[in-house]
């Protein structure tokens, strides 16, 4: 069996940089660095070991493949432009959560979207450019094989920022508990406020955790232009609700009978 080489993530070069308020974004990132060799460790001072010698940072990580896949799952259909998340509203919500940018202890803010890019790019070029215009850094990796993913890239970048900054708040948009549960809980134990934002139907790892905060993505103000066509058992009205079938009863019985007689 051919062994695949492990690819390390490339991170935005240097720390987030503040720009004038007129630009509409307080902390964009620069173009990605291709340097992959580790930097020699410098002994940390006692203050730095506690994070007091580093700037505070609020970091948003968006797992594009996972959010797209789970969105399809919860609405039972391929997402359309009308049912996809609004990154402008999500950016506003995230930055608002960082507090007054003029406050003495205001953190820097950085939002990063991680995406696999298929061989046929299609409309993804416009999507990526729109994200960059909203103030997001985009980590884009070619998807050459079906099992190519960007999970380690996200974890690598979180680790980069954990060492370059005092990671005050980490907001992770992903329902992937297999890769995120353990490292996120470790960060929470170390004092970082860790918030998982995903769909409640697929984020059991965060909902059941005593260390992680959970927010359903549809509860982020303005995240969707219209309510999604989904069943939320965590948000039922007090008097209950009728949940309509997702397929015809006759169609189901017809296919079930055909399988039994086949």
C-alpha atoms as a PDB file:
ATOM      1  CA  UNK A   1       0.000   0.000   0.000  1.00  0.00           C
ATOM      2  CA  UNK A   2       1.374   3.414  -0.970  1.00  0.00           C
ATOM      3  CA  UNK A   3       1.860   5.672   2.020  1.00  0.00           C
ATOM      4  CA  UNK A   4       0.841   9.271   1.638  1.00  0.00           C
ATOM      5  CA  UNK A   5       3.128  12.007   2.887  1.00  0.00           C
ATOM      6  CA  UNK A   6       1.840  14.037   5.790  1.00  0.00           C
ATOM      7  CA  UNK A   7       1.331  17.645   4.763  1.00  0.00           C
ATOM      8  CA  UNK A   8       1.625  20.338   7.394  1.00  0.00           C
ATOM      9  CA  UNK A   9      -0.567  23.382   7.351  1.00  0.00           C
ATOM     10  CA  UNK A  10       0.710  26.719   6.154  1.00  0.00           C
ATOM     11  CA  UNK A  11      -0.499  29.598   8.279  1.00  0.00           C
ATOM     12  CA  UNK A  12      -1.004  33.279   7.573  1.00  0.00           C
ATOM     13  CA  UNK A  13       2.438  34.879   7.830  1.00  0.00           C
ATOM     14  CA  UNK A  14       2.946  36.717  11.089  1.00  0.00           C
ATOM     15  CA  UNK A  15       0.341  37.943  13.556  1.00  0.00           C
ATOM     16  CA  UNK A  16      -2.975  39.532  12.628  1.00  0.00           C
ATOM     17  CA  UNK A  17      -2.397  43.140  11.586  1.00  0.00           C
ATOM     18  CA  UNK A  18      -4.655  46.026  12.557  1.00  0.00           C
ATOM     19  CA  UNK A  19      -5.846  48.285   9.740  1.00  0.00           C
ATOM     20  CA  UNK A  20      -7.767  51.585   9.813  1.00  0.00           C
ATOM     21  CA  UNK A  21     -11.419  51.297  10.800  1.00  0.00           C
ATOM     22  CA  UNK A  22     -12.441  52.692   7.409  1.00  0.00           C
ATOM     23  CA  UNK A  23     -11.343  49.417   5.867  1.00  0.00           C
ATOM     24  CA  UNK A  24     -14.128  47.664   7.773  1.00  0.00           C
ATOM     25  CA  UNK A  25     -11.959  45.001   9.385  1.00  0.00           C
ATOM     26  CA  UNK A  26      -9.815  45.330  12.486  1.00  0.00           C
ATOM     27  CA  UNK A  27      -7.560  42.342  12.004  1.00  0.00           C
ATOM     28  CA  UNK A  28      -7.147  40.754   8.591  1.00  0.00           C
ATOM     29  CA  UNK A  29      -4.250  38.438   7.865  1.00  0.00           C
ATOM     30  CA  UNK A  30      -1.578  38.589   5.221  1.00  0.00           C
ATOM     31  CA  UNK A  31      -1.036  36.125   2.394  1.00  0.00           C
ATOM     32  CA  UNK A  32      -0.140  32.576   3.391  1.00  0.00           C
ATOM     33  CA  UNK A  33       3.438  31.649   4.127  1.00  0.00           C
ATOM     34  CA  UNK A  34       4.888  28.564   2.504  1.00  0.00           C
ATOM     35  CA  UNK A  35       7.523  28.034   5.184  1.00  0.00           C
ATOM     36  CA  UNK A  36       7.089  24.596   6.705  1.00  0.00           C
ATOM     37  CA  UNK A  37      10.286  24.183   8.721  1.00  0.00           C
ATOM     38  CA  UNK A  38       9.756  24.626  12.480  1.00  0.00           C
ATOM     39  CA  UNK A  39      11.235  27.727  14.068  1.00  0.00           C
ATOM     40  CA  UNK A  40      13.789  27.134  16.811  1.00  0.00           C
ATOM     41  CA  UNK A  41      12.182  27.413  20.209  1.00  0.00           C
ATOM     42  CA  UNK A  42      13.105  30.387  22.397  1.00  0.00           C
ATOM     43  CA  UNK A  43      12.918  29.886  26.174  1.00  0.00           C
ATOM     44  CA  UNK A  44       9.808  31.614  27.438  1.00  0.00           C
ATOM     45  CA  UNK A  45       9.758  33.999  30.368  1.00  0.00           C
ATOM     46  CA  UNK A  46       7.449  33.157  33.296  1.00  0.00           C
ATOM     47  CA  UNK A  47       5.039  35.872  32.147  1.00  0.00           C
ATOM     48  CA  UNK A  48       4.996  34.487  28.618  1.00  0.00           C
ATOM     49  CA  UNK A  49       4.293  30.970  29.846  1.00  0.00           C
ATOM     50  CA  UNK A  50       1.080  32.338  31.361  1.00  0.00           C
ATOM     51  CA  UNK A  51       0.306  34.241  28.155  1.00  0.00           C
ATOM     52  CA  UNK A  52       0.720  37.686  29.747  1.00  0.00           C
ATOM     53  CA  UNK A  53       3.593  38.591  27.444  1.00  0.00           C
ATOM     54  CA  UNK A  54       1.606  37.941  24.252  1.00  0.00           C
ATOM     55  CA  UNK A  55      -1.252  39.876  22.637  1.00  0.00           C
ATOM     56  CA  UNK A  56      -4.748  38.573  23.227  1.00  0.00           C
ATOM     57  CA  UNK A  57      -6.521  37.015  20.251  1.00  0.00           C
ATOM     58  CA  UNK A  58     -10.052  35.931  19.403  1.00  0.00           C
ATOM     59  CA  UNK A  59      -9.826  33.322  16.632  1.00  0.00           C
ATOM     60  CA  UNK A  60     -12.551  31.915  14.386  1.00  0.00           C
ATOM     61  CA  UNK A  61     -11.990  28.642  12.514  1.00  0.00           C
ATOM     62  CA  UNK A  62     -14.453  27.577   9.796  1.00  0.00           C
ATOM     63  CA  UNK A  63     -14.401  23.939   8.642  1.00  0.00           C
ATOM     64  CA  UNK A  64     -15.950  24.459   5.193  1.00  0.00           C
ATOM     65  CA  UNK A  65     -16.235  20.770   4.132  1.00  0.00           C
ATOM     66  CA  UNK A  66     -17.879  19.776   7.407  1.00  0.00           C
ATOM     67  CA  UNK A  67     -20.340  22.674   7.560  1.00  0.00           C
ATOM     68  CA  UNK A  68     -21.328  22.140   3.934  1.00  0.00           C
ATOM     69  CA  UNK A  69     -21.835  18.397   4.443  1.00  0.00           C
ATOM     70  CA  UNK A  70     -23.796  18.756   7.676  1.00  0.00           C
ATOM     71  CA  UNK A  71     -25.960  21.508   6.177  1.00  0.00           C
ATOM     72  CA  UNK A  72     -26.948  19.065   3.428  1.00  0.00           C
ATOM     73  CA  UNK A  73     -27.726  16.471   6.098  1.00  0.00           C
ATOM     74  CA  UNK A  74     -29.978  18.640   8.240  1.00  0.00           C
ATOM     75  CA  UNK A  75     -32.033  20.094   5.361  1.00  0.00           C
ATOM     76  CA  UNK A  76     -32.071  16.843   3.381  1.00  0.00           C
ATOM     77  CA  UNK A  77     -31.030  18.525   0.146  1.00  0.00           C
ATOM     78  CA  UNK A  78     -28.135  20.137  -1.651  1.00  0.00           C
ATOM     79  CA  UNK A  79     -27.628  23.654  -0.239  1.00  0.00           C
ATOM     80  CA  UNK A  80     -28.542  26.580  -2.460  1.00  0.00           C
ATOM     81  CA  UNK A  81     -27.433  30.200  -2.309  1.00  0.00           C
ATOM     82  CA  UNK A  82     -30.523  30.958  -0.217  1.00  0.00           C
ATOM     83  CA  UNK A  83     -29.770  28.225   2.342  1.00  0.00           C
ATOM     84  CA  UNK A  84     -26.035  28.798   2.756  1.00  0.00           C
ATOM     85  CA  UNK A  85     -24.604  30.718   5.735  1.00  0.00           C
ATOM     86  CA  UNK A  86     -24.054  34.468   5.426  1.00  0.00           C
ATOM     87  CA  UNK A  87     -20.385  35.085   6.186  1.00  0.00           C
ATOM     88  CA  UNK A  88     -20.892  38.837   6.494  1.00  0.00           C
ATOM     89  CA  UNK A  89     -23.379  38.432   9.354  1.00  0.00           C
ATOM     90  CA  UNK A  90     -21.204  35.799  11.021  1.00  0.00           C
ATOM     91  CA  UNK A  91     -18.186  38.126  10.835  1.00  0.00           C
ATOM     92  CA  UNK A  92     -20.212  40.906  12.469  1.00  0.00           C
ATOM     93  CA  UNK A  93     -21.381  38.556  15.253  1.00  0.00           C
ATOM     94  CA  UNK A  94     -17.851  37.313  15.903  1.00  0.00           C
ATOM     95  CA  UNK A  95     -16.269  40.772  16.005  1.00  0.00           C
ATOM     96  CA  UNK A  96     -19.062  42.079  18.235  1.00  0.00           C
ATOM     97  CA  UNK A  97     -18.266  39.277  20.680  1.00  0.00           C
ATOM     98  CA  UNK A  98     -14.694  40.562  20.961  1.00  0.00           C
ATOM     99  CA  UNK A  99     -15.955  43.727  22.658  1.00  0.00           C
ATOM    100  CA  UNK A 100     -15.052  47.374  22.231  1.00  0.00           C
ATOM    101  CA  UNK A 101     -11.975  47.623  19.958  1.00  0.00           C
ATOM    102  CA  UNK A 102     -10.980  50.849  21.749  1.00  0.00           C
ATOM    103  CA  UNK A 103     -10.799  49.164  25.159  1.00  0.00           C
ATOM    104  CA  UNK A 104      -7.293  48.802  26.622  1.00  0.00           C
ATOM    105  CA  UNK A 105      -7.612  45.014  26.792  1.00  0.00           C
ATOM    106  CA  UNK A 106      -9.313  44.578  23.389  1.00  0.00           C
ATOM    107  CA  UNK A 107      -8.136  41.391  21.645  1.00  0.00           C
ATOM    108  CA  UNK A 108      -7.018  41.146  18.064  1.00  0.00           C
ATOM    109  CA  UNK A 109      -9.475  39.238  15.885  1.00  0.00           C
ATOM    110  CA  UNK A 110      -8.802  36.738  13.128  1.00  0.00           C
ATOM    111  CA  UNK A 111     -11.207  34.580  11.119  1.00  0.00           C
ATOM    112  CA  UNK A 112      -9.989  31.734   8.903  1.00  0.00           C
ATOM    113  CA  UNK A 113     -11.928  29.540   6.480  1.00  0.00           C
ATOM    114  CA  UNK A 114     -10.398  26.177   5.550  1.00  0.00           C
ATOM    115  CA  UNK A 115     -11.504  24.679   2.239  1.00  0.00           C
ATOM    116  CA  UNK A 116     -10.723  21.744  -0.043  1.00  0.00           C
ATOM    117  CA  UNK A 117     -10.638  22.845  -3.678  1.00  0.00           C
ATOM    118  CA  UNK A 118     -11.738  20.241  -6.269  1.00  0.00           C
ATOM    119  CA  UNK A 119     -10.064  19.997  -9.711  1.00  0.00           C
ATOM    120  CA  UNK A 120     -13.017  21.803 -11.313  1.00  0.00           C
ATOM    121  CA  UNK A 121     -13.110  25.079  -9.412  1.00  0.00           C
ATOM    122  CA  UNK A 122     -16.365  26.468 -10.817  1.00  0.00           C
ATOM    123  CA  UNK A 123     -17.863  29.238  -8.680  1.00  0.00           C
ATOM    124  CA  UNK A 124     -15.414  28.640  -5.803  1.00  0.00           C
ATOM    125  CA  UNK A 125     -13.128  31.387  -7.115  1.00  0.00           C
ATOM    126  CA  UNK A 126     -15.843  33.998  -6.535  1.00  0.00           C
ATOM    127  CA  UNK A 127     -16.671  32.463  -3.154  1.00  0.00           C
ATOM    128  CA  UNK A 128     -13.049  32.662  -1.994  1.00  0.00           C
ATOM    129  CA  UNK A 129     -12.673  36.251  -3.159  1.00  0.00           C
ATOM    130  CA  UNK A 130     -15.914  37.200  -1.399  1.00  0.00           C
ATOM    131  CA  UNK A 131     -14.627  35.688   1.850  1.00  0.00           C
ATOM    132  CA  UNK A 132     -11.373  37.625   1.592  1.00  0.00           C
ATOM    133  CA  UNK A 133     -13.364  40.783   1.002  1.00  0.00           C
ATOM    134  CA  UNK A 134     -15.295  40.138   4.221  1.00  0.00           C
ATOM    135  CA  UNK A 135     -11.995  39.979   6.162  1.00  0.00           C
ATOM    136  CA  UNK A 136     -11.507  36.199   6.312  1.00  0.00           C
ATOM    137  CA  UNK A 137      -8.217  34.488   5.606  1.00  0.00           C
ATOM    138  CA  UNK A 138      -8.739  31.416   3.421  1.00  0.00           C
ATOM    139  CA  UNK A 139      -6.611  28.282   3.596  1.00  0.00           C
ATOM    140  CA  UNK A 140      -7.263  26.478   0.315  1.00  0.00           C
ATOM    141  CA  UNK A 141      -5.823  23.040  -0.425  1.00  0.00           C
ATOM    142  CA  UNK A 142      -6.319  21.012  -3.620  1.00  0.00           C
ATOM    143  CA  UNK A 143      -8.511  17.946  -3.184  1.00  0.00           C
ATOM    144  CA  UNK A 144      -6.637  15.450  -5.350  1.00  0.00           C
ATOM    145  CA  UNK A 145      -7.897  12.286  -3.621  1.00  0.00           C
ATOM    146  CA  UNK A 146     -11.316  11.471  -2.100  1.00  0.00           C
ATOM    147  CA  UNK A 147      -9.783  11.196   1.377  1.00  0.00           C
ATOM    148  CA  UNK A 148      -7.861  14.486   1.189  1.00  0.00           C
ATOM    149  CA  UNK A 149      -8.956  16.752   4.014  1.00  0.00           C
ATOM    150  CA  UNK A 150      -7.876  19.831   5.949  1.00  0.00           C
ATOM    151  CA  UNK A 151      -8.476  18.693   9.529  1.00  0.00           C
ATOM    152  CA  UNK A 152      -4.809  18.786  10.468  1.00  0.00           C
ATOM    153  CA  UNK A 153      -4.402  22.186   8.819  1.00  0.00           C
ATOM    154  CA  UNK A 154      -7.008  23.634  11.157  1.00  0.00           C
ATOM    155  CA  UNK A 155      -5.449  22.059  14.239  1.00  0.00           C
ATOM    156  CA  UNK A 156      -2.002  23.257  13.138  1.00  0.00           C
ATOM    157  CA  UNK A 157      -3.186  26.835  12.798  1.00  0.00           C
ATOM    158  CA  UNK A 158      -4.886  26.794  16.192  1.00  0.00           C
ATOM    159  CA  UNK A 159      -1.588  25.573  17.647  1.00  0.00           C
ATOM    160  CA  UNK A 160       0.341  28.333  15.830  1.00  0.00           C
ATOM    161  CA  UNK A 161      -1.921  30.999  17.287  1.00  0.00           C
ATOM    162  CA  UNK A 162      -1.873  29.399  20.741  1.00  0.00           C
ATOM    163  CA  UNK A 163       1.872  29.982  20.839  1.00  0.00           C
ATOM    164  CA  UNK A 164       2.035  33.352  19.078  1.00  0.00           C
ATOM    165  CA  UNK A 165      -0.816  34.890  21.090  1.00  0.00           C
ATOM    166  CA  UNK A 166      -2.791  34.539  24.264  1.00  0.00           C
ATOM    167  CA  UNK A 167      -5.753  32.706  22.798  1.00  0.00           C
ATOM    168  CA  UNK A 168      -8.624  34.347  24.669  1.00  0.00           C
ATOM    169  CA  UNK A 169     -11.582  33.018  22.653  1.00  0.00           C
ATOM    170  CA  UNK A 170     -11.683  30.271  20.033  1.00  0.00           C
ATOM    171  CA  UNK A 171     -14.829  29.854  17.934  1.00  0.00           C
ATOM    172  CA  UNK A 172     -14.867  26.684  15.836  1.00  0.00           C
ATOM    173  CA  UNK A 173     -17.531  26.137  13.197  1.00  0.00           C
ATOM    174  CA  UNK A 174     -17.479  22.349  12.846  1.00  0.00           C
ATOM    175  CA  UNK A 175     -19.476  19.307  13.885  1.00  0.00           C
ATOM    176  CA  UNK A 176     -16.384  17.084  13.639  1.00  0.00           C
ATOM    177  CA  UNK A 177     -15.975  15.701  17.140  1.00  0.00           C
ATOM    178  CA  UNK A 178     -13.588  12.963  16.048  1.00  0.00           C
ATOM    179  CA  UNK A 179     -10.855  15.509  15.308  1.00  0.00           C
ATOM    180  CA  UNK A 180     -11.793  18.456  17.495  1.00  0.00           C
ATOM    181  CA  UNK A 181     -13.222  17.181  20.785  1.00  0.00           C
ATOM    182  CA  UNK A 182      -9.963  16.337  22.559  1.00  0.00           C
ATOM    183  CA  UNK A 183      -7.797  19.315  21.469  1.00  0.00           C
ATOM    184  CA  UNK A 184     -10.610  21.809  22.078  1.00  0.00           C
ATOM    185  CA  UNK A 185     -11.272  20.489  25.572  1.00  0.00           C
ATOM    186  CA  UNK A 186      -7.538  20.708  26.286  1.00  0.00           C
ATOM    187  CA  UNK A 187      -7.576  24.385  25.309  1.00  0.00           C
ATOM    188  CA  UNK A 188     -10.627  24.987  27.484  1.00  0.00           C
ATOM    189  CA  UNK A 189      -8.851  23.443  30.464  1.00  0.00           C
ATOM    190  CA  UNK A 190      -5.936  25.824  29.827  1.00  0.00           C
ATOM    191  CA  UNK A 191      -8.229  28.843  30.125  1.00  0.00           C
ATOM    192  CA  UNK A 192      -9.364  29.591  26.566  1.00  0.00           C
ATOM    193  CA  UNK A 193     -13.066  30.239  26.054  1.00  0.00           C
ATOM    194  CA  UNK A 194     -13.934  27.617  23.420  1.00  0.00           C
ATOM    195  CA  UNK A 195     -17.193  27.928  21.516  1.00  0.00           C
ATOM    196  CA  UNK A 196     -18.363  25.314  19.007  1.00  0.00           C
ATOM    197  CA  UNK A 197     -20.870  26.528  16.431  1.00  0.00           C
ATOM    198  CA  UNK A 198     -22.549  23.829  14.353  1.00  0.00           C
ATOM    199  CA  UNK A 199     -25.905  22.147  13.814  1.00  0.00           C
ATOM    200  CA  UNK A 200     -27.337  20.603  16.976  1.00  0.00           C
ATOM    201  CA  UNK A 201     -28.259  17.431  15.058  1.00  0.00           C
ATOM    202  CA  UNK A 202     -24.590  16.585  14.454  1.00  0.00           C
ATOM    203  CA  UNK A 203     -22.640  18.258  17.281  1.00  0.00           C
ATOM    204  CA  UNK A 204     -23.154  15.853  20.157  1.00  0.00           C
ATOM    205  CA  UNK A 205     -19.489  16.126  21.133  1.00  0.00           C
ATOM    206  CA  UNK A 206     -19.924  19.805  22.008  1.00  0.00           C
ATOM    207  CA  UNK A 207     -23.427  19.627  23.438  1.00  0.00           C
ATOM    208  CA  UNK A 208     -22.407  16.860  25.834  1.00  0.00           C
ATOM    209  CA  UNK A 209     -19.135  18.478  26.916  1.00  0.00           C
ATOM    210  CA  UNK A 210     -18.771  20.170  30.307  1.00  0.00           C
ATOM    211  CA  UNK A 211     -15.895  22.287  28.967  1.00  0.00           C
ATOM    212  CA  UNK A 212     -17.112  23.513  25.579  1.00  0.00           C
ATOM    213  CA  UNK A 213     -19.814  26.081  24.860  1.00  0.00           C
ATOM    214  CA  UNK A 214     -22.226  25.245  22.056  1.00  0.00           C
ATOM    215  CA  UNK A 215     -24.276  27.498  19.782  1.00  0.00           C
ATOM    216  CA  UNK A 216     -26.481  26.227  16.985  1.00  0.00           C
ATOM    217  CA  UNK A 217     -25.368  27.975  13.821  1.00  0.00           C
ATOM    218  CA  UNK A 218     -28.929  29.025  13.033  1.00  0.00           C
ATOM    219  CA  UNK A 219     -29.005  30.932  16.348  1.00  0.00           C
ATOM    220  CA  UNK A 220     -26.215  33.259  15.182  1.00  0.00           C
ATOM    221  CA  UNK A 221     -28.073  36.494  14.308  1.00  0.00           C
ATOM    222  CA  UNK A 222     -28.476  36.858  10.552  1.00  0.00           C
ATOM    223  CA  UNK A 223     -26.541  33.667   9.760  1.00  0.00           C
ATOM    224  CA  UNK A 224     -29.228  32.609   7.263  1.00  0.00           C
ATOM    225  CA  UNK A 225     -31.460  34.734   5.073  1.00  0.00           C
ATOM    226  CA  UNK A 226     -34.494  32.593   5.964  1.00  0.00           C
ATOM    227  CA  UNK A 227     -35.179  29.788   8.472  1.00  0.00           C
ATOM    228  CA  UNK A 228     -33.788  26.460   7.325  1.00  0.00           C
ATOM    229  CA  UNK A 229     -36.141  23.610   6.516  1.00  0.00           C
ATOM    230  CA  UNK A 230     -34.998  21.395   9.379  1.00  0.00           C
ATOM    231  CA  UNK A 231     -36.282  19.669  12.490  1.00  0.00           C
ATOM    232  CA  UNK A 232     -34.814  21.071  15.698  1.00  0.00           C
ATOM    233  CA  UNK A 233     -35.797  18.909  18.637  1.00  0.00           C
ATOM    234  CA  UNK A 234     -33.782  21.242  20.873  1.00  0.00           C
ATOM    235  CA  UNK A 235     -36.011  24.193  19.966  1.00  0.00           C
ATOM    236  CA  UNK A 236     -39.572  22.869  19.970  1.00  0.00           C
ATOM    237  CA  UNK A 237     -42.404  25.261  20.923  1.00  0.00           C
ATOM    238  CA  UNK A 238     -43.977  24.604  24.367  1.00  0.00           C
ATOM    239  CA  UNK A 239     -47.168  23.252  22.792  1.00  0.00           C
ATOM    240  CA  UNK A 240     -45.283  20.912  20.472  1.00  0.00           C
ATOM    241  CA  UNK A 241     -45.034  20.870  16.696  1.00  0.00           C
ATOM    242  CA  UNK A 242     -46.072  18.699  13.789  1.00  0.00           C
ATOM    243  CA  UNK A 243     -43.088  17.313  11.879  1.00  0.00           C
ATOM    244  CA  UNK A 244     -44.159  16.575   8.328  1.00  0.00           C
ATOM    245  CA  UNK A 245     -42.866  13.469   6.517  1.00  0.00           C
ATOM    246  CA  UNK A 246     -39.941  13.936   4.182  1.00  0.00           C
ATOM    247  CA  UNK A 247     -41.293  11.473   1.620  1.00  0.00           C
ATOM    248  CA  UNK A 248     -44.628  10.033   0.532  1.00  0.00           C
ATOM    249  CA  UNK A 249     -45.886   7.094   2.585  1.00  0.00           C
ATOM    250  CA  UNK A 250     -46.928   5.263  -0.617  1.00  0.00           C
ATOM    251  CA  UNK A 251     -43.493   5.872  -2.189  1.00  0.00           C
ATOM    252  CA  UNK A 252     -41.751   4.434   0.848  1.00  0.00           C
ATOM    253  CA  UNK A 253     -43.946   1.322   0.973  1.00  0.00           C
ATOM    254  CA  UNK A 254     -43.487   0.801  -2.768  1.00  0.00           C
ATOM    255  CA  UNK A 255     -39.682   0.881  -2.480  1.00  0.00           C
ATOM    256  CA  UNK A 256     -39.739  -1.242   0.689  1.00  0.00           C
ATOM    257  CA  UNK A 257     -41.875  -3.895  -1.037  1.00  0.00           C
ATOM    258  CA  UNK A 258     -39.597  -3.895  -4.072  1.00  0.00           C
ATOM    259  CA  UNK A 259     -36.534  -4.505  -1.856  1.00  0.00           C
ATOM    260  CA  UNK A 260     -38.217  -7.408  -0.072  1.00  0.00           C
ATOM    261  CA  UNK A 261     -39.243  -9.100  -3.289  1.00  0.00           C
ATOM    262  CA  UNK A 262     -35.951  -8.415  -5.090  1.00  0.00           C
END
